[in-house]
Amino acid sequence: MKVAVNDFVKRQTELSGKTFSNDLSFGFFANHAKDKMIKNEFLIGYRKGVRIVTIDKKYVHKVFCPYVKITKDIKLVSKLVKRKENELPYIQTRAINGIPVKAGSVDLILYSHKVLLENDENTTGADWELVSINAIPDGEDTMPIAPVTMMRNQLNLAGGTKALYSTEEWAKSVQFWQKYASLNPVNSIDED
């Protein structure tokens, strides 16, 4: 089994407002996922061809969790953004203050070569590609897919991977994202 790093995950850096690590490389995460998948230590994701690998606890502290708990004191800012040029823009809301929560666990999201080929999103010839690293706030069991991502997937829009979600999955996603917001990276707020 060959596991590689998809170019999409490489956007997860210190300036992205997403989960990242300055101590562990993308290659480390791909190799860690491979080792765990060989031992059948993974969950099936939101559809066949998507796997979720939870990293070993000893590495969790090396991963930055970008989320703050939303309270009345948290200031939020929204702006229209695009993840990739061929995608429709969406409204992104970020916290501009607050202290990031600690990660309780970290999930690696891997897509099979076949799933990535559906939208020509493979960037290697590997069997599996790491597409996302998701820190899960301490005290939470899972982190639902964000509603915007679910919408993109279910409507099979550009950048989405065809999926159908239950009413409960939609509700849990909205519930989670009403409690947490990504902390906006320092100095990345437009002053327009």
N, C-alpha and C. Protein backbone atom coordinates (compact mmCIF):
# COMPACT_ATOMS: atom_id res chain seq x y z
N MET A 1 0.84 -1.18 0.00
CA MET A 1 0.00 0.00 0.00
C MET A 1 0.89 1.24 0.00
N LYS A 2 0.59 2.13 -0.92
CA LYS A 2 1.34 3.38 -0.99
C LYS A 2 0.45 4.52 -0.51
N VAL A 3 0.96 5.31 0.42
CA VAL A 3 0.24 6.47 0.95
C VAL A 3 1.10 7.70 0.70
N ALA A 4 0.50 8.73 0.13
CA ALA A 4 1.26 9.94 -0.20
C ALA A 4 0.51 11.18 0.29
N VAL A 5 1.14 12.31 0.12
CA VAL A 5 0.59 13.60 0.55
C VAL A 5 -0.06 14.28 -0.64
N ASN A 6 -1.36 14.54 -0.54
CA ASN A 6 -2.06 15.28 -1.58
C ASN A 6 -1.72 16.76 -1.44
N ASP A 7 -1.60 17.46 -2.54
CA ASP A 7 -1.25 18.88 -2.49
C ASP A 7 -2.26 19.70 -1.67
N PHE A 8 -3.51 19.28 -1.62
CA PHE A 8 -4.56 20.02 -0.92
C PHE A 8 -4.24 20.20 0.57
N VAL A 9 -3.68 19.18 1.21
CA VAL A 9 -3.38 19.25 2.65
C VAL A 9 -2.24 20.23 2.93
N LYS A 10 -1.43 20.51 1.95
CA LYS A 10 -0.26 21.38 2.15
C LYS A 10 -0.64 22.83 2.45
N ARG A 11 -1.92 23.15 2.30
CA ARG A 11 -2.39 24.50 2.66
C ARG A 11 -2.49 24.65 4.17
N GLN A 12 -2.42 23.57 4.92
CA GLN A 12 -2.57 23.60 6.37
C GLN A 12 -1.25 23.99 7.03
N THR A 13 -1.04 25.30 7.07
CA THR A 13 0.18 25.86 7.64
C THR A 13 -0.19 26.82 8.77
N GLU A 14 0.80 27.38 9.39
CA GLU A 14 0.61 28.29 10.51
C GLU A 14 -0.25 29.51 10.14
N LEU A 15 -0.22 29.91 8.89
CA LEU A 15 -0.96 31.10 8.47
C LEU A 15 -2.32 30.76 7.87
N SER A 16 -2.77 29.51 7.99
CA SER A 16 -4.00 29.09 7.32
C SER A 16 -5.25 29.14 8.20
N GLY A 17 -5.10 29.18 9.52
CA GLY A 17 -6.26 29.08 10.39
C GLY A 17 -6.77 27.65 10.49
N LYS A 18 -5.96 26.72 10.04
CA LYS A 18 -6.32 25.30 10.06
C LYS A 18 -5.34 24.53 10.95
N THR A 19 -5.67 23.29 11.23
CA THR A 19 -4.77 22.42 11.99
C THR A 19 -3.43 22.36 11.27
N PHE A 20 -2.34 22.45 12.03
CA PHE A 20 -1.01 22.34 11.44
C PHE A 20 -0.03 21.85 12.51
N SER A 21 1.17 21.49 12.05
CA SER A 21 2.24 21.14 12.97
C SER A 21 3.55 21.70 12.44
N ASN A 22 4.29 22.36 13.32
CA ASN A 22 5.63 22.81 12.96
C ASN A 22 6.66 21.73 13.27
N ASP A 23 6.25 20.70 14.03
CA ASP A 23 7.17 19.64 14.45
C ASP A 23 7.08 18.38 13.61
N LEU A 24 5.90 18.12 13.03
CA LEU A 24 5.68 16.90 12.26
C LEU A 24 5.38 17.28 10.81
N SER A 25 6.05 16.62 9.89
CA SER A 25 5.89 16.94 8.47
C SER A 25 4.66 16.24 7.88
N PHE A 26 4.23 16.71 6.73
CA PHE A 26 3.13 16.06 6.03
C PHE A 26 3.51 14.61 5.72
N GLY A 27 4.78 14.40 5.37
CA GLY A 27 5.27 13.04 5.11
C GLY A 27 5.16 12.15 6.34
N PHE A 28 5.45 12.72 7.51
CA PHE A 28 5.29 11.95 8.74
C PHE A 28 3.85 11.49 8.89
N PHE A 29 2.89 12.41 8.69
CA PHE A 29 1.48 12.06 8.85
C PHE A 29 1.07 10.98 7.85
N ALA A 30 1.52 11.09 6.59
CA ALA A 30 1.18 10.07 5.58
C ALA A 30 1.76 8.71 5.98
N ASN A 31 3.00 8.68 6.44
CA ASN A 31 3.62 7.41 6.86
C ASN A 31 2.94 6.84 8.10
N HIS A 32 2.57 7.71 9.02
CA HIS A 32 1.88 7.27 10.24
C HIS A 32 0.53 6.65 9.86
N ALA A 33 -0.18 7.29 8.93
CA ALA A 33 -1.46 6.76 8.47
C ALA A 33 -1.26 5.40 7.80
N LYS A 34 -0.23 5.28 6.99
CA LYS A 34 0.05 4.00 6.32
C LYS A 34 0.27 2.90 7.35
N ASP A 35 1.12 3.17 8.34
CA ASP A 35 1.41 2.17 9.38
C ASP A 35 0.13 1.73 10.09
N LYS A 36 -0.73 2.69 10.40
CA LYS A 36 -1.96 2.36 11.11
C LYS A 36 -2.96 1.62 10.21
N MET A 37 -3.02 2.00 8.94
CA MET A 37 -3.94 1.31 8.03
C MET A 37 -3.50 -0.13 7.79
N ILE A 38 -2.19 -0.37 7.73
CA ILE A 38 -1.69 -1.73 7.57
C ILE A 38 -2.15 -2.60 8.74
N LYS A 39 -2.26 -1.99 9.93
CA LYS A 39 -2.72 -2.71 11.12
C LYS A 39 -4.25 -2.67 11.27
N ASN A 40 -4.94 -2.18 10.24
CA ASN A 40 -6.41 -2.03 10.27
C ASN A 40 -6.89 -1.10 11.38
N GLU A 41 -6.10 -0.09 11.71
CA GLU A 41 -6.46 0.88 12.74
C GLU A 41 -6.97 2.16 12.06
N PHE A 42 -8.18 2.06 11.52
CA PHE A 42 -8.81 3.20 10.86
C PHE A 42 -10.31 3.01 10.89
N LEU A 43 -11.01 4.11 10.63
CA LEU A 43 -12.47 4.09 10.48
C LEU A 43 -12.81 4.42 9.04
N ILE A 44 -13.96 3.96 8.61
CA ILE A 44 -14.45 4.35 7.29
C ILE A 44 -15.05 5.74 7.44
N GLY A 45 -14.73 6.62 6.52
CA GLY A 45 -15.22 8.00 6.58
C GLY A 45 -16.65 8.12 6.09
N TYR A 46 -16.99 9.28 5.57
CA TYR A 46 -18.36 9.59 5.19
C TYR A 46 -18.82 8.81 3.96
N ARG A 47 -17.90 8.11 3.30
CA ARG A 47 -18.26 7.26 2.16
C ARG A 47 -17.14 6.27 1.93
N LYS A 48 -17.43 5.24 1.14
CA LYS A 48 -16.42 4.25 0.78
C LYS A 48 -15.28 4.94 0.05
N GLY A 49 -14.05 4.60 0.40
CA GLY A 49 -12.90 5.23 -0.23
C GLY A 49 -12.36 6.41 0.56
N VAL A 50 -12.96 6.67 1.72
CA VAL A 50 -12.47 7.71 2.63
C VAL A 50 -12.19 7.04 3.97
N ARG A 51 -10.99 7.25 4.47
CA ARG A 51 -10.60 6.66 5.75
C ARG A 51 -10.17 7.73 6.74
N ILE A 52 -10.43 7.42 8.02
CA ILE A 52 -10.03 8.30 9.10
C ILE A 52 -9.06 7.53 9.99
N VAL A 53 -7.89 8.09 10.18
CA VAL A 53 -6.87 7.48 11.03
C VAL A 53 -6.60 8.45 12.18
N THR A 54 -6.74 7.97 13.40
CA THR A 54 -6.44 8.79 14.58
C THR A 54 -4.97 8.61 14.92
N ILE A 55 -4.24 9.72 15.04
CA ILE A 55 -2.80 9.60 15.32
C ILE A 55 -2.60 9.13 16.77
N ASP A 56 -1.45 8.54 17.01
CA ASP A 56 -1.11 8.08 18.36
C ASP A 56 -1.08 9.26 19.31
N LYS A 57 -1.57 9.03 20.52
CA LYS A 57 -1.69 10.06 21.56
C LYS A 57 -0.37 10.80 21.80
N LYS A 58 0.75 10.09 21.68
CA LYS A 58 2.05 10.71 21.97
C LYS A 58 2.42 11.85 21.01
N TYR A 59 1.70 11.96 19.88
CA TYR A 59 1.99 13.02 18.92
C TYR A 59 1.00 14.19 18.98
N VAL A 60 -0.12 14.01 19.67
CA VAL A 60 -1.18 15.01 19.66
C VAL A 60 -0.68 16.39 20.10
N HIS A 61 0.18 16.44 21.12
CA HIS A 61 0.67 17.74 21.62
C HIS A 61 1.55 18.47 20.61
N LYS A 62 1.95 17.80 19.55
CA LYS A 62 2.79 18.44 18.52
C LYS A 62 1.94 19.06 17.40
N VAL A 63 0.60 19.00 17.57
CA VAL A 63 -0.30 19.52 16.55
C VAL A 63 -1.09 20.69 17.13
N PHE A 64 -1.13 21.79 16.38
CA PHE A 64 -1.85 22.98 16.81
C PHE A 64 -3.33 22.85 16.49
N CYS A 65 -4.16 23.05 17.50
CA CYS A 65 -5.62 23.04 17.33
C CYS A 65 -6.06 24.49 17.16
N PRO A 66 -6.61 24.86 16.01
CA PRO A 66 -6.89 26.27 15.71
C PRO A 66 -8.23 26.80 16.19
N TYR A 67 -8.94 26.04 17.03
CA TYR A 67 -10.30 26.42 17.40
C TYR A 67 -10.39 27.11 18.75
N VAL A 68 -11.31 28.06 18.83
CA VAL A 68 -11.65 28.69 20.10
C VAL A 68 -13.11 28.36 20.39
N LYS A 69 -13.42 28.28 21.67
CA LYS A 69 -14.80 28.06 22.09
C LYS A 69 -15.53 29.39 21.96
N ILE A 70 -16.67 29.41 21.30
CA ILE A 70 -17.41 30.65 21.08
C ILE A 70 -18.15 31.02 22.36
N THR A 71 -17.88 32.23 22.84
CA THR A 71 -18.56 32.81 23.99
C THR A 71 -18.99 34.22 23.60
N LYS A 72 -19.66 34.92 24.52
CA LYS A 72 -20.09 36.29 24.23
C LYS A 72 -18.90 37.23 24.04
N ASP A 73 -17.72 36.84 24.52
CA ASP A 73 -16.54 37.69 24.40
C ASP A 73 -15.74 37.48 23.11
N ILE A 74 -16.09 36.45 22.37
CA ILE A 74 -15.36 36.16 21.14
C ILE A 74 -15.89 37.05 20.02
N LYS A 75 -14.97 37.70 19.33
CA LYS A 75 -15.32 38.54 18.19
C LYS A 75 -15.13 37.72 16.92
N LEU A 76 -16.14 37.75 16.08
CA LEU A 76 -16.12 36.97 14.84
C LEU A 76 -16.06 37.91 13.64
N VAL A 77 -15.40 37.46 12.59
CA VAL A 77 -15.34 38.20 11.34
C VAL A 77 -15.63 37.21 10.21
N SER A 78 -16.40 37.67 9.24
CA SER A 78 -16.74 36.83 8.09
C SER A 78 -16.25 37.49 6.82
N LYS A 79 -15.85 36.65 5.87
CA LYS A 79 -15.45 37.17 4.57
C LYS A 79 -15.71 36.11 3.51
N LEU A 80 -15.80 36.55 2.28
CA LEU A 80 -16.03 35.67 1.15
C LEU A 80 -14.68 35.15 0.67
N VAL A 81 -14.54 33.81 0.63
CA VAL A 81 -13.25 33.21 0.23
C VAL A 81 -13.50 32.04 -0.73
N LYS A 82 -12.42 31.60 -1.37
CA LYS A 82 -12.42 30.41 -2.21
C LYS A 82 -11.27 29.53 -1.74
N ARG A 83 -11.50 28.22 -1.71
CA ARG A 83 -10.40 27.30 -1.38
C ARG A 83 -9.50 27.12 -2.59
N LYS A 84 -10.14 26.97 -3.75
CA LYS A 84 -9.41 26.77 -5.00
C LYS A 84 -10.08 27.59 -6.09
N GLU A 85 -9.35 27.89 -7.12
CA GLU A 85 -9.84 28.79 -8.18
C GLU A 85 -11.13 28.29 -8.83
N ASN A 86 -11.27 26.99 -9.03
CA ASN A 86 -12.44 26.48 -9.75
C ASN A 86 -13.68 26.31 -8.86
N GLU A 87 -13.58 26.64 -7.58
CA GLU A 87 -14.70 26.47 -6.66
C GLU A 87 -15.47 27.77 -6.48
N LEU A 88 -16.74 27.60 -6.10
CA LEU A 88 -17.55 28.76 -5.77
C LEU A 88 -17.07 29.35 -4.44
N PRO A 89 -17.17 30.66 -4.28
CA PRO A 89 -16.78 31.25 -2.99
C PRO A 89 -17.81 30.89 -1.92
N TYR A 90 -17.37 30.97 -0.66
CA TYR A 90 -18.27 30.72 0.46
C TYR A 90 -17.95 31.71 1.57
N ILE A 91 -18.87 31.84 2.53
CA ILE A 91 -18.68 32.76 3.65
C ILE A 91 -17.91 32.03 4.74
N GLN A 92 -16.73 32.53 5.03
CA GLN A 92 -15.87 31.94 6.07
C GLN A 92 -15.95 32.84 7.31
N THR A 93 -16.24 32.23 8.45
CA THR A 93 -16.29 32.98 9.70
C THR A 93 -15.16 32.51 10.60
N ARG A 94 -14.42 33.47 11.14
CA ARG A 94 -13.28 33.17 12.01
C ARG A 94 -13.37 34.02 13.27
N ALA A 95 -12.77 33.52 14.34
CA ALA A 95 -12.63 34.29 15.57
C ALA A 95 -11.38 35.15 15.44
N ILE A 96 -11.45 36.39 15.94
CA ILE A 96 -10.27 37.25 15.89
C ILE A 96 -9.67 37.47 17.28
N ASN A 97 -10.22 36.78 18.27
CA ASN A 97 -9.63 36.81 19.60
C ASN A 97 -9.93 35.47 20.27
N GLY A 98 -9.36 35.26 21.41
CA GLY A 98 -9.59 34.02 22.14
C GLY A 98 -8.35 33.15 22.20
N ILE A 99 -8.40 32.19 23.08
CA ILE A 99 -7.28 31.25 23.26
C ILE A 99 -7.67 29.91 22.66
N PRO A 100 -6.84 29.39 21.77
CA PRO A 100 -7.17 28.10 21.15
C PRO A 100 -7.30 27.00 22.21
N VAL A 101 -8.27 26.12 22.00
CA VAL A 101 -8.44 24.97 22.88
C VAL A 101 -7.34 23.96 22.58
N LYS A 102 -7.09 23.07 23.51
CA LYS A 102 -6.11 22.02 23.27
C LYS A 102 -6.75 20.91 22.45
N ALA A 103 -5.95 20.24 21.65
CA ALA A 103 -6.44 19.08 20.90
C ALA A 103 -6.51 17.89 21.84
N GLY A 104 -7.62 17.18 21.79
CA GLY A 104 -7.76 15.94 22.54
C GLY A 104 -7.31 14.76 21.70
N SER A 105 -7.46 14.91 20.37
CA SER A 105 -7.02 13.90 19.41
C SER A 105 -6.85 14.57 18.06
N VAL A 106 -6.27 13.84 17.13
CA VAL A 106 -6.05 14.36 15.78
C VAL A 106 -6.39 13.25 14.79
N ASP A 107 -7.25 13.58 13.84
CA ASP A 107 -7.61 12.64 12.79
C ASP A 107 -6.93 13.01 11.48
N LEU A 108 -6.48 11.99 10.78
CA LEU A 108 -5.95 12.15 9.43
C LEU A 108 -7.00 11.65 8.47
N ILE A 109 -7.32 12.43 7.45
CA ILE A 109 -8.34 12.06 6.48
C ILE A 109 -7.62 11.67 5.18
N LEU A 110 -7.92 10.45 4.73
CA LEU A 110 -7.28 9.92 3.53
C LEU A 110 -8.33 9.53 2.51
N TYR A 111 -8.07 9.85 1.25
CA TYR A 111 -8.97 9.47 0.16
C TYR A 111 -8.23 8.46 -0.72
N SER A 112 -9.00 7.51 -1.22
CA SER A 112 -8.42 6.52 -2.14
C SER A 112 -8.15 7.18 -3.49
N HIS A 113 -7.29 6.55 -4.23
CA HIS A 113 -6.97 7.04 -5.58
C HIS A 113 -8.25 7.12 -6.42
N LYS A 114 -9.10 6.10 -6.29
CA LYS A 114 -10.35 6.05 -7.08
C LYS A 114 -11.27 7.22 -6.75
N VAL A 115 -11.42 7.55 -5.48
CA VAL A 115 -12.27 8.67 -5.08
C VAL A 115 -11.69 9.99 -5.60
N LEU A 116 -10.39 10.16 -5.47
CA LEU A 116 -9.77 11.40 -5.94
C LEU A 116 -9.89 11.56 -7.46
N LEU A 117 -9.87 10.44 -8.18
CA LEU A 117 -9.99 10.50 -9.64
C LEU A 117 -11.36 11.00 -10.09
N GLU A 118 -12.38 10.82 -9.26
CA GLU A 118 -13.73 11.24 -9.63
C GLU A 118 -13.78 12.71 -10.03
N ASN A 119 -12.98 13.53 -9.37
CA ASN A 119 -12.94 14.97 -9.67
C ASN A 119 -11.55 15.43 -10.10
N ASP A 120 -10.75 14.46 -10.52
CA ASP A 120 -9.38 14.77 -10.96
C ASP A 120 -8.60 15.53 -9.88
N GLU A 121 -8.71 15.05 -8.62
CA GLU A 121 -8.05 15.73 -7.51
C GLU A 121 -6.88 14.95 -6.92
N ASN A 122 -6.50 13.86 -7.57
CA ASN A 122 -5.30 13.16 -7.11
C ASN A 122 -4.08 13.97 -7.54
N THR A 123 -3.09 14.00 -6.67
CA THR A 123 -1.85 14.72 -7.03
C THR A 123 -0.65 13.78 -7.04
N THR A 124 -0.92 12.50 -6.78
CA THR A 124 0.12 11.46 -6.86
C THR A 124 -0.53 10.23 -7.47
N GLY A 125 0.26 9.19 -7.63
CA GLY A 125 -0.28 7.92 -8.12
C GLY A 125 -0.48 6.92 -6.99
N ALA A 126 -0.45 7.39 -5.74
CA ALA A 126 -0.54 6.49 -4.59
C ALA A 126 -1.94 5.91 -4.44
N ASP A 127 -2.02 4.79 -3.71
CA ASP A 127 -3.30 4.15 -3.42
C ASP A 127 -4.18 5.05 -2.56
N TRP A 128 -3.55 5.75 -1.62
CA TRP A 128 -4.25 6.64 -0.68
C TRP A 128 -3.47 7.94 -0.60
N GLU A 129 -4.22 9.06 -0.45
CA GLU A 129 -3.57 10.36 -0.28
C GLU A 129 -4.14 11.07 0.94
N LEU A 130 -3.24 11.63 1.73
CA LEU A 130 -3.62 12.43 2.88
C LEU A 130 -4.17 13.75 2.37
N VAL A 131 -5.44 14.05 2.73
CA VAL A 131 -6.06 15.29 2.24
C VAL A 131 -6.34 16.29 3.35
N SER A 132 -6.36 15.83 4.62
CA SER A 132 -6.65 16.76 5.71
C SER A 132 -6.11 16.23 7.04
N ILE A 133 -5.72 17.16 7.89
CA ILE A 133 -5.30 16.86 9.27
C ILE A 133 -6.25 17.65 10.15
N ASN A 134 -6.99 16.95 11.01
CA ASN A 134 -8.02 17.61 11.81
C ASN A 134 -7.79 17.42 13.30
N ALA A 135 -7.40 18.50 13.97
CA ALA A 135 -7.31 18.48 15.44
C ALA A 135 -8.74 18.53 15.98
N ILE A 136 -9.03 17.67 16.95
CA ILE A 136 -10.35 17.63 17.56
C ILE A 136 -10.23 18.22 18.96
N PRO A 137 -11.02 19.24 19.27
CA PRO A 137 -10.92 19.87 20.59
C PRO A 137 -11.06 18.86 21.73
N ASP A 138 -10.24 19.06 22.75
CA ASP A 138 -10.30 18.21 23.94
C ASP A 138 -11.72 18.22 24.49
N GLY A 139 -12.23 17.07 24.81
CA GLY A 139 -13.59 16.94 25.32
C GLY A 139 -14.61 16.58 24.27
N GLU A 140 -14.23 16.66 23.00
CA GLU A 140 -15.12 16.26 21.90
C GLU A 140 -14.68 14.88 21.41
N ASP A 141 -15.66 14.04 21.09
CA ASP A 141 -15.34 12.69 20.58
C ASP A 141 -14.98 12.71 19.11
N THR A 142 -15.68 13.53 18.36
CA THR A 142 -15.46 13.62 16.92
C THR A 142 -15.61 15.07 16.49
N MET A 143 -15.20 15.34 15.27
CA MET A 143 -15.40 16.66 14.70
C MET A 143 -16.14 16.46 13.38
N PRO A 144 -17.40 16.88 13.34
CA PRO A 144 -18.16 16.71 12.10
C PRO A 144 -17.57 17.52 10.96
N ILE A 145 -17.83 17.06 9.76
CA ILE A 145 -17.46 17.83 8.58
C ILE A 145 -18.20 19.17 8.65
N ALA A 146 -17.55 20.23 8.25
CA ALA A 146 -18.17 21.56 8.27
C ALA A 146 -19.36 21.60 7.32
N PRO A 147 -20.42 22.34 7.68
CA PRO A 147 -21.61 22.41 6.83
C PRO A 147 -21.31 22.83 5.39
N VAL A 148 -20.39 23.76 5.19
CA VAL A 148 -20.06 24.21 3.82
C VAL A 148 -19.47 23.05 3.02
N THR A 149 -18.63 22.25 3.66
CA THR A 149 -18.04 21.10 2.98
C THR A 149 -19.11 20.05 2.68
N MET A 150 -20.00 19.82 3.64
CA MET A 150 -21.09 18.87 3.43
C MET A 150 -21.97 19.32 2.25
N MET A 151 -22.28 20.60 2.20
CA MET A 151 -23.08 21.14 1.11
C MET A 151 -22.39 20.92 -0.23
N ARG A 152 -21.10 21.22 -0.28
CA ARG A 152 -20.32 21.06 -1.51
C ARG A 152 -20.34 19.59 -1.95
N ASN A 153 -20.21 18.68 -0.97
CA ASN A 153 -20.22 17.25 -1.29
C ASN A 153 -21.60 16.77 -1.73
N GLN A 154 -22.62 17.09 -0.95
CA GLN A 154 -23.95 16.56 -1.23
C GLN A 154 -24.50 17.09 -2.56
N LEU A 155 -24.20 18.33 -2.89
CA LEU A 155 -24.67 18.90 -4.15
C LEU A 155 -23.70 18.60 -5.30
N ASN A 156 -22.62 17.90 -4.99
CA ASN A 156 -21.61 17.52 -5.98
C ASN A 156 -21.09 18.73 -6.75
N LEU A 157 -20.78 19.78 -5.98
CA LEU A 157 -20.23 21.01 -6.57
C LEU A 157 -18.72 20.86 -6.76
N ALA A 158 -18.14 21.76 -7.51
CA ALA A 158 -16.69 21.76 -7.71
C ALA A 158 -15.99 21.74 -6.36
N GLY A 159 -15.02 20.85 -6.21
CA GLY A 159 -14.29 20.72 -4.95
C GLY A 159 -14.95 19.76 -3.98
N GLY A 160 -16.14 19.30 -4.29
CA GLY A 160 -16.84 18.34 -3.44
C GLY A 160 -16.61 16.92 -3.90
N THR A 161 -16.84 15.99 -3.02
CA THR A 161 -16.75 14.57 -3.33
C THR A 161 -18.12 13.98 -3.02
N LYS A 162 -18.80 13.49 -4.01
CA LYS A 162 -20.20 13.06 -3.91
C LYS A 162 -20.48 12.28 -2.63
N ALA A 163 -21.49 12.74 -1.90
CA ALA A 163 -21.89 12.08 -0.65
C ALA A 163 -23.33 12.47 -0.34
N LEU A 164 -23.96 11.68 0.50
CA LEU A 164 -25.31 11.96 0.97
C LEU A 164 -25.28 11.86 2.49
N TYR A 165 -25.72 12.91 3.17
CA TYR A 165 -25.67 12.96 4.63
C TYR A 165 -27.07 12.86 5.22
N SER A 166 -27.14 12.28 6.40
CA SER A 166 -28.42 12.16 7.10
C SER A 166 -28.76 13.49 7.77
N THR A 167 -30.01 13.61 8.17
CA THR A 167 -30.46 14.79 8.91
C THR A 167 -29.64 14.96 10.19
N GLU A 168 -29.37 13.85 10.88
CA GLU A 168 -28.59 13.90 12.12
C GLU A 168 -27.17 14.39 11.87
N GLU A 169 -26.55 13.93 10.77
CA GLU A 169 -25.19 14.39 10.45
C GLU A 169 -25.18 15.90 10.20
N TRP A 170 -26.18 16.40 9.49
CA TRP A 170 -26.27 17.84 9.26
C TRP A 170 -26.43 18.59 10.58
N ALA A 171 -27.34 18.09 11.42
CA ALA A 171 -27.60 18.77 12.70
C ALA A 171 -26.36 18.78 13.59
N LYS A 172 -25.64 17.65 13.66
CA LYS A 172 -24.43 17.58 14.50
C LYS A 172 -23.35 18.52 13.98
N SER A 173 -23.26 18.66 12.67
CA SER A 173 -22.28 19.58 12.10
C SER A 173 -22.59 21.02 12.50
N VAL A 174 -23.84 21.42 12.31
CA VAL A 174 -24.23 22.78 12.66
C VAL A 174 -24.03 23.01 14.16
N GLN A 175 -24.41 22.02 14.99
CA GLN A 175 -24.26 22.14 16.44
C GLN A 175 -22.79 22.35 16.82
N PHE A 176 -21.90 21.54 16.27
CA PHE A 176 -20.47 21.65 16.57
C PHE A 176 -19.95 23.04 16.18
N TRP A 177 -20.27 23.47 14.96
CA TRP A 177 -19.72 24.73 14.46
C TRP A 177 -20.42 25.96 15.02
N GLN A 178 -21.42 25.76 15.88
CA GLN A 178 -21.99 26.85 16.66
C GLN A 178 -21.22 27.01 17.97
N LYS A 179 -20.45 25.99 18.35
CA LYS A 179 -19.67 26.03 19.60
C LYS A 179 -18.23 26.46 19.38
N TYR A 180 -17.69 26.24 18.18
CA TYR A 180 -16.28 26.51 17.90
C TYR A 180 -16.12 27.34 16.64
N ALA A 181 -15.05 28.13 16.62
CA ALA A 181 -14.65 28.86 15.41
C ALA A 181 -13.14 28.76 15.28
N SER A 182 -12.67 28.74 14.06
CA SER A 182 -11.23 28.77 13.83
C SER A 182 -10.70 30.15 14.19
N LEU A 183 -9.56 30.16 14.85
CA LEU A 183 -8.92 31.42 15.19
C LEU A 183 -8.22 31.96 13.95
N ASN A 184 -8.54 33.18 13.60
CA ASN A 184 -7.94 33.79 12.43
C ASN A 184 -6.44 33.96 12.65
N PRO A 185 -5.62 33.58 11.68
CA PRO A 185 -4.18 33.77 11.83
C PRO A 185 -3.84 35.25 12.02
N VAL A 186 -2.82 35.54 12.77
CA VAL A 186 -2.39 36.91 13.04
C VAL A 186 -2.11 37.65 11.74
N ASN A 187 -2.57 38.88 11.68
CA ASN A 187 -2.31 39.79 10.55
C ASN A 187 -2.90 39.34 9.23
N SER A 188 -3.96 38.50 9.25
CA SER A 188 -4.51 38.09 7.96
C SER A 188 -5.91 38.63 7.72
N ILE A 189 -6.32 39.60 8.51
CA ILE A 189 -7.64 40.20 8.33
C ILE A 189 -7.51 41.41 7.39
N ASP A 190 -8.29 41.40 6.33
CA ASP A 190 -8.28 42.54 5.41
C ASP A 190 -8.94 43.73 6.11
N GLU A 191 -8.42 44.90 5.89
CA GLU A 191 -8.93 46.12 6.54
C GLU A 191 -9.94 46.86 5.67
N ASP A 192 -10.39 46.24 4.58
CA ASP A 192 -11.34 46.91 3.66
C ASP A 192 -12.61 47.32 4.36
